């Protein structure tokens, strides 16, 4: 195994919403067809996750909340092999970013 790299910083949950129409065609106040997926995000968390695809070992230091998003992020770190023993779990909400993607990407 290669180097051990410590990643310090933000840990977020990305909620990616892919809409089937262009922004000018969104039905505000009504329904707009979409697909939604969630992924780990945040600069430090992304780097720590990407490093697992190399021969490096990554460790993340940051904060998540004691909510469903925080649990999902910890589970994703476990699945990827990111060490998170120094990840702080705070009372409250994890950081969440919502990304709206139209058909043009």
PDB file of N, CA and C in Angstrom:
ATOM      1  N   UNK A   1       0.850  -1.177   0.000  1.00  0.00           N
ATOM      2  CA  UNK A   1       0.000   0.000   0.000  1.00  0.00           C
ATOM      3  C   UNK A   1       0.892   1.235   0.000  1.00  0.00           C
ATOM      4  N   UNK A   2       0.436   2.285  -0.667  1.00  0.00           N
ATOM      5  CA  UNK A   2       1.182   3.519  -0.787  1.00  0.00           C
ATOM      6  C   UNK A   2       1.043   4.404   0.432  1.00  0.00           C
ATOM      7  N   UNK A   3       1.110   5.679   0.183  1.00  0.00           N
ATOM      8  CA  UNK A   3       1.074   6.685   1.236  1.00  0.00           C
ATOM      9  C   UNK A   3      -0.274   6.717   1.947  1.00  0.00           C
ATOM     10  N   UNK A   4      -0.241   7.208   3.189  1.00  0.00           N
ATOM     11  CA  UNK A   4      -1.467   7.501   3.918  1.00  0.00           C
ATOM     12  C   UNK A   4      -1.675   9.004   3.846  1.00  0.00           C
ATOM     13  N   UNK A   5      -2.838   9.427   3.382  1.00  0.00           N
ATOM     14  CA  UNK A   5      -3.107  10.847   3.168  1.00  0.00           C
ATOM     15  C   UNK A   5      -4.274  11.271   4.050  1.00  0.00           C
ATOM     16  N   UNK A   6      -4.055  12.348   4.799  1.00  0.00           N
ATOM     17  CA  UNK A   6      -5.068  12.905   5.688  1.00  0.00           C
ATOM     18  C   UNK A   6      -5.807  14.016   4.953  1.00  0.00           C
ATOM     19  N   UNK A   7      -7.116  13.909   4.874  1.00  0.00           N
ATOM     20  CA  UNK A   7      -7.959  14.907   4.218  1.00  0.00           C
ATOM     21  C   UNK A   7      -8.781  15.610   5.292  1.00  0.00           C
ATOM     22  N   UNK A   8      -8.611  16.919   5.394  1.00  0.00           N
ATOM     23  CA  UNK A   8      -9.291  17.704   6.421  1.00  0.00           C
ATOM     24  C   UNK A   8     -10.206  18.709   5.733  1.00  0.00           C
ATOM     25  N   UNK A   9     -11.486  18.710   6.122  1.00  0.00           N
ATOM     26  CA  UNK A   9     -12.380  19.701   5.540  1.00  0.00           C
ATOM     27  C   UNK A   9     -13.819  19.267   5.521  1.00  0.00           C
ATOM     28  N   UNK A  10     -14.529  19.791   4.521  1.00  0.00           N
ATOM     29  CA  UNK A  10     -15.977  19.599   4.504  1.00  0.00           C
ATOM     30  C   UNK A  10     -16.394  18.223   4.013  1.00  0.00           C
ATOM     31  N   UNK A  11     -17.460  17.757   4.651  1.00  0.00           N
ATOM     32  CA  UNK A  11     -18.110  16.487   4.315  1.00  0.00           C
ATOM     33  C   UNK A  11     -19.586  16.831   4.119  1.00  0.00           C
ATOM     34  N   UNK A  12     -20.076  16.626   2.919  1.00  0.00           N
ATOM     35  CA  UNK A  12     -21.448  17.023   2.585  1.00  0.00           C
ATOM     36  C   UNK A  12     -22.176  15.864   1.925  1.00  0.00           C
ATOM     37  N   UNK A  13     -23.481  15.947   1.882  1.00  0.00           N
ATOM     38  CA  UNK A  13     -24.284  15.023   1.097  1.00  0.00           C
ATOM     39  C   UNK A  13     -24.791  15.792  -0.114  1.00  0.00           C
ATOM     40  N   UNK A  14     -24.457  15.313  -1.315  1.00  0.00           N
ATOM     41  CA  UNK A  14     -24.950  15.920  -2.549  1.00  0.00           C
ATOM     42  C   UNK A  14     -26.251  15.239  -2.944  1.00  0.00           C
ATOM     43  N   UNK A  15     -27.277  16.035  -3.159  1.00  0.00           N
ATOM     44  CA  UNK A  15     -28.556  15.548  -3.668  1.00  0.00           C
ATOM     45  C   UNK A  15     -28.639  16.032  -5.114  1.00  0.00           C
ATOM     46  N   UNK A  16     -28.499  15.107  -6.057  1.00  0.00           N
ATOM     47  CA  UNK A  16     -28.487  15.451  -7.478  1.00  0.00           C
ATOM     48  C   UNK A  16     -29.883  15.211  -8.041  1.00  0.00           C
ATOM     49  N   UNK A  17     -30.479  16.283  -8.542  1.00  0.00           N
ATOM     50  CA  UNK A  17     -31.822  16.232  -9.105  1.00  0.00           C
ATOM     51  C   UNK A  17     -31.727  16.487 -10.601  1.00  0.00           C
ATOM     52  N   UNK A  18     -32.012  15.460 -11.392  1.00  0.00           N
ATOM     53  CA  UNK A  18     -31.974  15.589 -12.852  1.00  0.00           C
ATOM     54  C   UNK A  18     -33.399  15.797 -13.349  1.00  0.00           C
ATOM     55  N   UNK A  19     -33.610  16.995 -13.910  1.00  0.00           N
ATOM     56  CA  UNK A  19     -34.945  17.309 -14.414  1.00  0.00           C
ATOM     57  C   UNK A  19     -35.019  16.984 -15.905  1.00  0.00           C
ATOM     58  N   UNK A  20     -36.217  16.660 -16.371  1.00  0.00           N
ATOM     59  CA  UNK A  20     -36.413  16.242 -17.758  1.00  0.00           C
ATOM     60  C   UNK A  20     -36.729  17.403 -18.691  1.00  0.00           C
ATOM     61  N   UNK A  21     -36.757  18.627 -18.162  1.00  0.00           N
ATOM     62  CA  UNK A  21     -37.086  19.793 -18.984  1.00  0.00           C
ATOM     63  C   UNK A  21     -36.021  20.866 -18.786  1.00  0.00           C
ATOM     64  N   UNK A  22     -35.981  21.819 -19.695  1.00  0.00           N
ATOM     65  CA  UNK A  22     -35.069  22.949 -19.557  1.00  0.00           C
ATOM     66  C   UNK A  22     -35.573  23.874 -18.454  1.00  0.00           C
ATOM     67  N   UNK A  23     -34.665  24.653 -17.826  1.00  0.00           N
ATOM     68  CA  UNK A  23     -35.082  25.505 -16.702  1.00  0.00           C
ATOM     69  C   UNK A  23     -36.278  26.408 -17.009  1.00  0.00           C
ATOM     70  N   UNK A  24     -36.398  26.920 -18.207  1.00  0.00           N
ATOM     71  CA  UNK A  24     -37.527  27.777 -18.555  1.00  0.00           C
ATOM     72  C   UNK A  24     -38.847  27.037 -18.630  1.00  0.00           C
ATOM     73  N   UNK A  25     -38.789  25.701 -18.600  1.00  0.00           N
ATOM     74  CA  UNK A  25     -40.003  24.892 -18.707  1.00  0.00           C
ATOM     75  C   UNK A  25     -40.412  24.262 -17.374  1.00  0.00           C
ATOM     76  N   UNK A  26     -39.749  24.635 -16.289  1.00  0.00           N
ATOM     77  CA  UNK A  26     -40.100  24.099 -14.971  1.00  0.00           C
ATOM     78  C   UNK A  26     -41.488  24.600 -14.586  1.00  0.00           C
ATOM     79  N   UNK A  27     -42.312  23.715 -14.094  1.00  0.00           N
ATOM     80  CA  UNK A  27     -43.668  24.066 -13.667  1.00  0.00           C
ATOM     81  C   UNK A  27     -43.632  24.508 -12.207  1.00  0.00           C
ATOM     82  N   UNK A  28     -43.255  25.760 -11.960  1.00  0.00           N
ATOM     83  CA  UNK A  28     -43.190  26.261 -10.590  1.00  0.00           C
ATOM     84  C   UNK A  28     -44.565  26.179  -9.948  1.00  0.00           C
ATOM     85  N   UNK A  29     -44.611  25.685  -8.726  1.00  0.00           N
ATOM     86  CA  UNK A  29     -45.871  25.527  -8.016  1.00  0.00           C
ATOM     87  C   UNK A  29     -46.631  24.280  -8.429  1.00  0.00           C
ATOM     88  N   UNK A  30     -46.008  23.458  -9.263  1.00  0.00           N
ATOM     89  CA  UNK A  30     -46.636  22.222  -9.720  1.00  0.00           C
ATOM     90  C   UNK A  30     -45.564  21.137  -9.782  1.00  0.00           C
ATOM     91  N   UNK A  31     -45.808  20.095 -10.557  1.00  0.00           N
ATOM     92  CA  UNK A  31     -44.868  18.977 -10.650  1.00  0.00           C
ATOM     93  C   UNK A  31     -43.967  19.112 -11.871  1.00  0.00           C
ATOM     94  N   UNK A  32     -42.704  18.747 -11.696  1.00  0.00           N
ATOM     95  CA  UNK A  32     -41.746  18.659 -12.787  1.00  0.00           C
ATOM     96  C   UNK A  32     -41.079  17.297 -12.678  1.00  0.00           C
ATOM     97  N   UNK A  33     -41.153  16.455 -13.719  1.00  0.00           N
ATOM     98  CA  UNK A  33     -40.527  15.128 -13.647  1.00  0.00           C
ATOM     99  C   UNK A  33     -39.029  15.233 -13.362  1.00  0.00           C
ATOM    100  N   UNK A  34     -38.537  14.363 -12.488  1.00  0.00           N
ATOM    101  CA  UNK A  34     -37.120  14.387 -12.127  1.00  0.00           C
ATOM    102  C   UNK A  34     -36.705  13.033 -11.565  1.00  0.00           C
ATOM    103  N   UNK A  35     -35.397  12.790 -11.585  1.00  0.00           N
ATOM    104  CA  UNK A  35     -34.820  11.654 -10.865  1.00  0.00           C
ATOM    105  C   UNK A  35     -33.859  12.223  -9.836  1.00  0.00           C
ATOM    106  N   UNK A  36     -33.807  11.601  -8.677  1.00  0.00           N
ATOM    107  CA  UNK A  36     -32.990  12.108  -7.577  1.00  0.00           C
ATOM    108  C   UNK A  36     -32.050  11.008  -7.109  1.00  0.00           C
ATOM    109  N   UNK A  37     -30.785  11.380  -6.887  1.00  0.00           N
ATOM    110  CA  UNK A  37     -29.807  10.454  -6.315  1.00  0.00           C
ATOM    111  C   UNK A  37     -28.982  11.206  -5.280  1.00  0.00           C
ATOM    112  N   UNK A  38     -28.426  10.482  -4.336  1.00  0.00           N
ATOM    113  CA  UNK A  38     -27.576  11.096  -3.317  1.00  0.00           C
ATOM    114  C   UNK A  38     -26.185  10.490  -3.388  1.00  0.00           C
ATOM    115  N   UNK A  39     -25.198  11.332  -3.090  1.00  0.00           N
ATOM    116  CA  UNK A  39     -23.798  10.930  -3.153  1.00  0.00           C
ATOM    117  C   UNK A  39     -23.026  11.708  -2.093  1.00  0.00           C
ATOM    118  N   UNK A  40     -21.972  11.109  -1.597  1.00  0.00           N
ATOM    119  CA  UNK A  40     -21.083  11.842  -0.715  1.00  0.00           C
ATOM    120  C   UNK A  40     -20.459  12.996  -1.471  1.00  0.00           C
ATOM    121  N   UNK A  41     -20.238  14.092  -0.780  1.00  0.00           N
ATOM    122  CA  UNK A  41     -19.653  15.267  -1.409  1.00  0.00           C
ATOM    123  C   UNK A  41     -18.859  16.082  -0.410  1.00  0.00           C
ATOM    124  N   UNK A  42     -18.437  17.240  -0.852  1.00  0.00           N
ATOM    125  CA  UNK A  42     -17.550  18.084  -0.070  1.00  0.00           C
ATOM    126  C   UNK A  42     -16.121  17.840  -0.531  1.00  0.00           C
ATOM    127  N   UNK A  43     -15.333  18.894  -0.606  1.00  0.00           N
ATOM    128  CA  UNK A  43     -13.988  18.786  -1.183  1.00  0.00           C
ATOM    129  C   UNK A  43     -13.133  17.725  -0.499  1.00  0.00           C
ATOM    130  N   UNK A  44     -13.037  17.774   0.813  1.00  0.00           N
ATOM    131  CA  UNK A  44     -12.180  16.816   1.529  1.00  0.00           C
ATOM    132  C   UNK A  44     -12.710  15.395   1.396  1.00  0.00           C
ATOM    133  N   UNK A  45     -14.012  15.230   1.504  1.00  0.00           N
ATOM    134  CA  UNK A  45     -14.606  13.895   1.387  1.00  0.00           C
ATOM    135  C   UNK A  45     -14.426  13.336  -0.018  1.00  0.00           C
ATOM    136  N   UNK A  46     -14.567  14.193  -1.035  1.00  0.00           N
ATOM    137  CA  UNK A  46     -14.357  13.732  -2.411  1.00  0.00           C
ATOM    138  C   UNK A  46     -12.929  13.257  -2.616  1.00  0.00           C
ATOM    139  N   UNK A  47     -11.961  14.036  -2.143  1.00  0.00           N
ATOM    140  CA  UNK A  47     -10.556  13.640  -2.303  1.00  0.00           C
ATOM    141  C   UNK A  47     -10.289  12.331  -1.567  1.00  0.00           C
ATOM    142  N   UNK A  48     -10.767  12.216  -0.337  1.00  0.00           N
ATOM    143  CA  UNK A  48     -10.559  10.981   0.433  1.00  0.00           C
ATOM    144  C   UNK A  48     -11.161   9.781  -0.290  1.00  0.00           C
ATOM    145  N   UNK A  49     -12.328   9.966  -0.877  1.00  0.00           N
ATOM    146  CA  UNK A  49     -12.990   8.880  -1.606  1.00  0.00           C
ATOM    147  C   UNK A  49     -12.235   8.529  -2.879  1.00  0.00           C
ATOM    148  N   UNK A  50     -11.794   9.528  -3.626  1.00  0.00           N
ATOM    149  CA  UNK A  50     -11.065   9.276  -4.875  1.00  0.00           C
ATOM    150  C   UNK A  50      -9.740   8.572  -4.608  1.00  0.00           C
ATOM    151  N   UNK A  51      -9.106   8.897  -3.491  1.00  0.00           N
ATOM    152  CA  UNK A  51      -7.815   8.273  -3.170  1.00  0.00           C
ATOM    153  C   UNK A  51      -7.930   6.767  -2.988  1.00  0.00           C
ATOM    154  N   UNK A  52      -9.105   6.278  -2.628  1.00  0.00           N
ATOM    155  CA  UNK A  52      -9.264   4.832  -2.446  1.00  0.00           C
ATOM    156  C   UNK A  52      -9.150   4.086  -3.769  1.00  0.00           C
ATOM    157  N   UNK A  53      -9.206   4.802  -4.876  1.00  0.00           N
ATOM    158  CA  UNK A  53      -9.048   4.176  -6.194  1.00  0.00           C
ATOM    159  C   UNK A  53      -7.576   4.078  -6.599  1.00  0.00           C
ATOM    160  N   UNK A  54      -6.696   4.564  -5.734  1.00  0.00           N
ATOM    161  CA  UNK A  54      -5.257   4.481  -5.970  1.00  0.00           C
ATOM    162  C   UNK A  54      -4.679   3.509  -4.943  1.00  0.00           C
ATOM    163  N   UNK A  55      -3.366   3.484  -4.841  1.00  0.00           N
ATOM    164  CA  UNK A  55      -2.759   2.618  -3.822  1.00  0.00           C
ATOM    165  C   UNK A  55      -2.571   3.350  -2.499  1.00  0.00           C
ATOM    166  N   UNK A  56      -3.119   4.561  -2.380  1.00  0.00           N
ATOM    167  CA  UNK A  56      -3.015   5.336  -1.142  1.00  0.00           C
ATOM    168  C   UNK A  56      -4.133   4.958  -0.172  1.00  0.00           C
ATOM    169  N   UNK A  57      -3.874   5.171   1.107  1.00  0.00           N
ATOM    170  CA  UNK A  57      -4.889   5.014   2.152  1.00  0.00           C
ATOM    171  C   UNK A  57      -5.317   6.411   2.570  1.00  0.00           C
ATOM    172  N   UNK A  58      -6.620   6.659   2.639  1.00  0.00           N
ATOM    173  CA  UNK A  58      -7.083   7.994   3.008  1.00  0.00           C
ATOM    174  C   UNK A  58      -7.808   7.976   4.347  1.00  0.00           C
ATOM    175  N   UNK A  59      -7.640   9.077   5.062  1.00  0.00           N
ATOM    176  CA  UNK A  59      -8.324   9.310   6.331  1.00  0.00           C
ATOM    177  C   UNK A  59      -9.004  10.666   6.241  1.00  0.00           C
ATOM    178  N   UNK A  60     -10.257  10.742   6.670  1.00  0.00           N
ATOM    179  CA  UNK A  60     -11.013  11.993   6.636  1.00  0.00           C
ATOM    180  C   UNK A  60     -11.168  12.551   8.045  1.00  0.00           C
ATOM    181  N   UNK A  61     -10.999  13.859   8.171  1.00  0.00           N
ATOM    182  CA  UNK A  61     -11.283  14.585   9.412  1.00  0.00           C
ATOM    183  C   UNK A  61     -12.260  15.693   9.050  1.00  0.00           C
ATOM    184  N   UNK A  62     -13.411  15.689   9.678  1.00  0.00           N
ATOM    185  CA  UNK A  62     -14.435  16.679   9.408  1.00  0.00           C
ATOM    186  C   UNK A  62     -15.596  16.487  10.358  1.00  0.00           C
ATOM    187  N   UNK A  63     -16.731  17.051   9.997  1.00  0.00           N
ATOM    188  CA  UNK A  63     -17.938  16.973  10.828  1.00  0.00           C
ATOM    189  C   UNK A  63     -19.112  16.483   9.992  1.00  0.00           C
ATOM    190  N   UNK A  64     -19.965  15.681  10.595  1.00  0.00           N
ATOM    191  CA  UNK A  64     -21.284  15.359  10.046  1.00  0.00           C
ATOM    192  C   UNK A  64     -22.279  15.471  11.196  1.00  0.00           C
ATOM    193  N   UNK A  65     -23.551  15.538  10.855  1.00  0.00           N
ATOM    194  CA  UNK A  65     -24.584  15.574  11.877  1.00  0.00           C
ATOM    195  C   UNK A  65     -25.003  14.169  12.275  1.00  0.00           C
ATOM    196  N   UNK A  66     -25.775  14.098  13.351  1.00  0.00           N
ATOM    197  CA  UNK A  66     -26.279  12.801  13.820  1.00  0.00           C
ATOM    198  C   UNK A  66     -27.636  12.495  13.181  1.00  0.00           C
ATOM    199  N   UNK A  67     -27.717  12.730  11.877  1.00  0.00           N
ATOM    200  CA  UNK A  67     -28.959  12.542  11.134  1.00  0.00           C
ATOM    201  C   UNK A  67     -28.782  11.470  10.059  1.00  0.00           C
ATOM    202  N   UNK A  68     -29.812  11.265   9.256  1.00  0.00           N
ATOM    203  CA  UNK A  68     -29.757  10.240   8.207  1.00  0.00           C
ATOM    204  C   UNK A  68     -28.661  10.535   7.189  1.00  0.00           C
ATOM    205  N   UNK A  69     -28.456  11.805   6.862  1.00  0.00           N
ATOM    206  CA  UNK A  69     -27.402  12.162   5.907  1.00  0.00           C
ATOM    207  C   UNK A  69     -26.030  11.801   6.466  1.00  0.00           C
ATOM    208  N   UNK A  70     -25.798  12.083   7.738  1.00  0.00           N
ATOM    209  CA  UNK A  70     -24.523  11.732   8.367  1.00  0.00           C
ATOM    210  C   UNK A  70     -24.295  10.235   8.375  1.00  0.00           C
ATOM    211  N   UNK A  71     -25.341   9.475   8.669  1.00  0.00           N
ATOM    212  CA  UNK A  71     -25.230   8.009   8.646  1.00  0.00           C
ATOM    213  C   UNK A  71     -24.909   7.503   7.248  1.00  0.00           C
ATOM    214  N   UNK A  72     -25.540   8.087   6.236  1.00  0.00           N
ATOM    215  CA  UNK A  72     -25.279   7.684   4.852  1.00  0.00           C
ATOM    216  C   UNK A  72     -23.836   7.981   4.462  1.00  0.00           C
ATOM    217  N   UNK A  73     -23.315   9.113   4.904  1.00  0.00           N
ATOM    218  CA  UNK A  73     -21.932   9.475   4.585  1.00  0.00           C
ATOM    219  C   UNK A  73     -20.947   8.517   5.244  1.00  0.00           C
ATOM    220  N   UNK A  74     -21.175   8.182   6.502  1.00  0.00           N
ATOM    221  CA  UNK A  74     -20.298   7.230   7.202  1.00  0.00           C
ATOM    222  C   UNK A  74     -20.360   5.867   6.521  1.00  0.00           C
ATOM    223  N   UNK A  75     -21.551   5.441   6.126  1.00  0.00           N
ATOM    224  CA  UNK A  75     -21.695   4.158   5.424  1.00  0.00           C
ATOM    225  C   UNK A  75     -20.940   4.164   4.102  1.00  0.00           C
ATOM    226  N   UNK A  76     -20.982   5.289   3.401  1.00  0.00           N
ATOM    227  CA  UNK A  76     -20.249   5.386   2.134  1.00  0.00           C
ATOM    228  C   UNK A  76     -18.741   5.313   2.374  1.00  0.00           C
ATOM    229  N   UNK A  77     -18.258   5.986   3.426  1.00  0.00           N
ATOM    230  CA  UNK A  77     -16.828   5.886   3.762  1.00  0.00           C
ATOM    231  C   UNK A  77     -16.452   4.439   4.062  1.00  0.00           C
ATOM    232  N   UNK A  78     -17.293   3.739   4.818  1.00  0.00           N
ATOM    233  CA  UNK A  78     -17.035   2.325   5.122  1.00  0.00           C
ATOM    234  C   UNK A  78     -16.941   1.500   3.843  1.00  0.00           C
ATOM    235  N   UNK A  79     -17.891   1.708   2.938  1.00  0.00           N
ATOM    236  CA  UNK A  79     -17.923   0.931   1.694  1.00  0.00           C
ATOM    237  C   UNK A  79     -16.700   1.199   0.824  1.00  0.00           C
ATOM    238  N   UNK A  80     -16.203   2.431   0.863  1.00  0.00           N
ATOM    239  CA  UNK A  80     -15.053   2.796   0.033  1.00  0.00           C
ATOM    240  C   UNK A  80     -13.715   2.490   0.696  1.00  0.00           C
ATOM    241  N   UNK A  81     -13.726   2.260   2.000  1.00  0.00           N
ATOM    242  CA  UNK A  81     -12.475   2.021   2.710  1.00  0.00           C
ATOM    243  C   UNK A  81     -11.789   3.278   3.193  1.00  0.00           C
ATOM    244  N   UNK A  82     -12.538   4.374   3.312  1.00  0.00           N
ATOM    245  CA  UNK A  82     -11.984   5.622   3.853  1.00  0.00           C
ATOM    246  C   UNK A  82     -11.989   5.522   5.374  1.00  0.00           C
ATOM    247  N   UNK A  83     -10.854   5.751   5.985  1.00  0.00           N
ATOM    248  CA  UNK A  83     -10.792   5.753   7.453  1.00  0.00           C
ATOM    249  C   UNK A  83     -11.469   7.020   7.968  1.00  0.00           C
ATOM    250  N   UNK A  84     -12.311   6.862   8.967  1.00  0.00           N
ATOM    251  CA  UNK A  84     -13.059   8.023   9.476  1.00  0.00           C
ATOM    252  C   UNK A  84     -13.113   8.039  11.002  1.00  0.00           C
ATOM    253  N   UNK A  85     -12.121   7.457  11.657  1.00  0.00           N
ATOM    254  CA  UNK A  85     -12.148   7.387  13.122  1.00  0.00           C
ATOM    255  C   UNK A  85     -12.052   8.766  13.776  1.00  0.00           C
ATOM    256  N   UNK A  86     -11.596   9.781  13.040  1.00  0.00           N
ATOM    257  CA  UNK A  86     -11.539  11.142  13.581  1.00  0.00           C
ATOM    258  C   UNK A  86     -12.679  12.020  13.075  1.00  0.00           C
ATOM    259  N   UNK A  87     -13.658  11.427  12.416  1.00  0.00           N
ATOM    260  CA  UNK A  87     -14.812  12.178  11.947  1.00  0.00           C
ATOM    261  C   UNK A  87     -15.687  12.527  13.148  1.00  0.00           C
ATOM    262  N   UNK A  88     -15.988  13.807  13.312  1.00  0.00           N
ATOM    263  CA  UNK A  88     -16.801  14.244  14.445  1.00  0.00           C
ATOM    264  C   UNK A  88     -18.276  14.187  14.068  1.00  0.00           C
ATOM    265  N   UNK A  89     -19.070  13.570  14.923  1.00  0.00           N
ATOM    266  CA  UNK A  89     -20.513  13.486  14.702  1.00  0.00           C
ATOM    267  C   UNK A  89     -21.179  14.413  15.706  1.00  0.00           C
ATOM    268  N   UNK A  90     -21.745  15.490  15.179  1.00  0.00           N
ATOM    269  CA  UNK A  90     -22.342  16.536  16.005  1.00  0.00           C
ATOM    270  C   UNK A  90     -23.854  16.367  16.080  1.00  0.00           C
ATOM    271  N   UNK A  91     -24.450  16.900  17.135  1.00  0.00           N
ATOM    272  CA  UNK A  91     -25.905  16.959  17.201  1.00  0.00           C
ATOM    273  C   UNK A  91     -26.364  17.937  16.129  1.00  0.00           C
ATOM    274  N   UNK A  92     -27.383  17.559  15.413  1.00  0.00           N
ATOM    275  CA  UNK A  92     -27.898  18.459  14.382  1.00  0.00           C
ATOM    276  C   UNK A  92     -27.793  17.863  12.997  1.00  0.00           C
ATOM    277  N   UNK A  93     -27.807  18.753  12.027  1.00  0.00           N
ATOM    278  CA  UNK A  93     -27.891  18.350  10.633  1.00  0.00           C
ATOM    279  C   UNK A  93     -26.524  18.326   9.951  1.00  0.00           C
ATOM    280  N   UNK A  94     -26.367  17.381   9.041  1.00  0.00           N
ATOM    281  CA  UNK A  94     -25.195  17.350   8.171  1.00  0.00           C
ATOM    282  C   UNK A  94     -25.380  18.390   7.072  1.00  0.00           C
ATOM    283  N   UNK A  95     -24.270  18.789   6.470  1.00  0.00           N
ATOM    284  CA  UNK A  95     -24.345  19.697   5.331  1.00  0.00           C
ATOM    285  C   UNK A  95     -24.910  18.974   4.122  1.00  0.00           C
ATOM    286  N   UNK A  96     -25.827  19.626   3.430  1.00  0.00           N
ATOM    287  CA  UNK A  96     -26.461  19.047   2.245  1.00  0.00           C
ATOM    288  C   UNK A  96     -26.434  20.091   1.134  1.00  0.00           C
ATOM    289  N   UNK A  97     -26.070  19.652  -0.070  1.00  0.00           N
ATOM    290  CA  UNK A  97     -26.080  20.510  -1.252  1.00  0.00           C
ATOM    291  C   UNK A  97     -27.045  19.891  -2.254  1.00  0.00           C
ATOM    292  N   UNK A  98     -27.947  20.704  -2.807  1.00  0.00           N
ATOM    293  CA  UNK A  98     -28.867  20.229  -3.836  1.00  0.00           C
ATOM    294  C   UNK A  98     -28.384  20.766  -5.180  1.00  0.00           C
ATOM    295  N   UNK A  99     -28.186  19.851  -6.135  1.00  0.00           N
ATOM    296  CA  UNK A  99     -27.710  20.205  -7.469  1.00  0.00           C
ATOM    297  C   UNK A  99     -28.843  19.932  -8.451  1.00  0.00           C
ATOM    298  N   UNK A 100     -29.206  20.934  -9.232  1.00  0.00           N
ATOM    299  CA  UNK A 100     -30.259  20.796 -10.230  1.00  0.00           C
ATOM    300  C   UNK A 100     -29.600  20.672 -11.600  1.00  0.00           C
ATOM    301  N   UNK A 101     -29.818  19.543 -12.278  1.00  0.00           N
ATOM    302  CA  UNK A 101     -29.191  19.274 -13.571  1.00  0.00           C
ATOM    303  C   UNK A 101     -30.278  19.218 -14.637  1.00  0.00           C
ATOM    304  N   UNK A 102     -30.147  20.080 -15.669  1.00  0.00           N
ATOM    305  CA  UNK A 102     -31.129  20.048 -16.751  1.00  0.00           C
ATOM    306  C   UNK A 102     -30.670  19.083 -17.852  1.00  0.00           C
ATOM    307  N   UNK A 103     -31.467  18.851 -18.880  1.00  0.00           N
ATOM    308  CA  UNK A 103     -31.113  17.867 -19.908  1.00  0.00           C
ATOM    309  C   UNK A 103     -29.803  18.155 -20.644  1.00  0.00           C
ATOM    310  N   UNK A 104     -29.320  19.393 -20.604  1.00  0.00           N
ATOM    311  CA  UNK A 104     -28.061  19.714 -21.283  1.00  0.00           C
ATOM    312  C   UNK A 104     -26.857  19.421 -20.404  1.00  0.00           C
ATOM    313  N   UNK A 105     -27.103  19.009 -19.156  1.00  0.00           N
ATOM    314  CA  UNK A 105     -26.027  18.657 -18.242  1.00  0.00           C
ATOM    315  C   UNK A 105     -25.600  19.806 -17.401  1.00  0.00           C
TER     316      UNK A 105
END
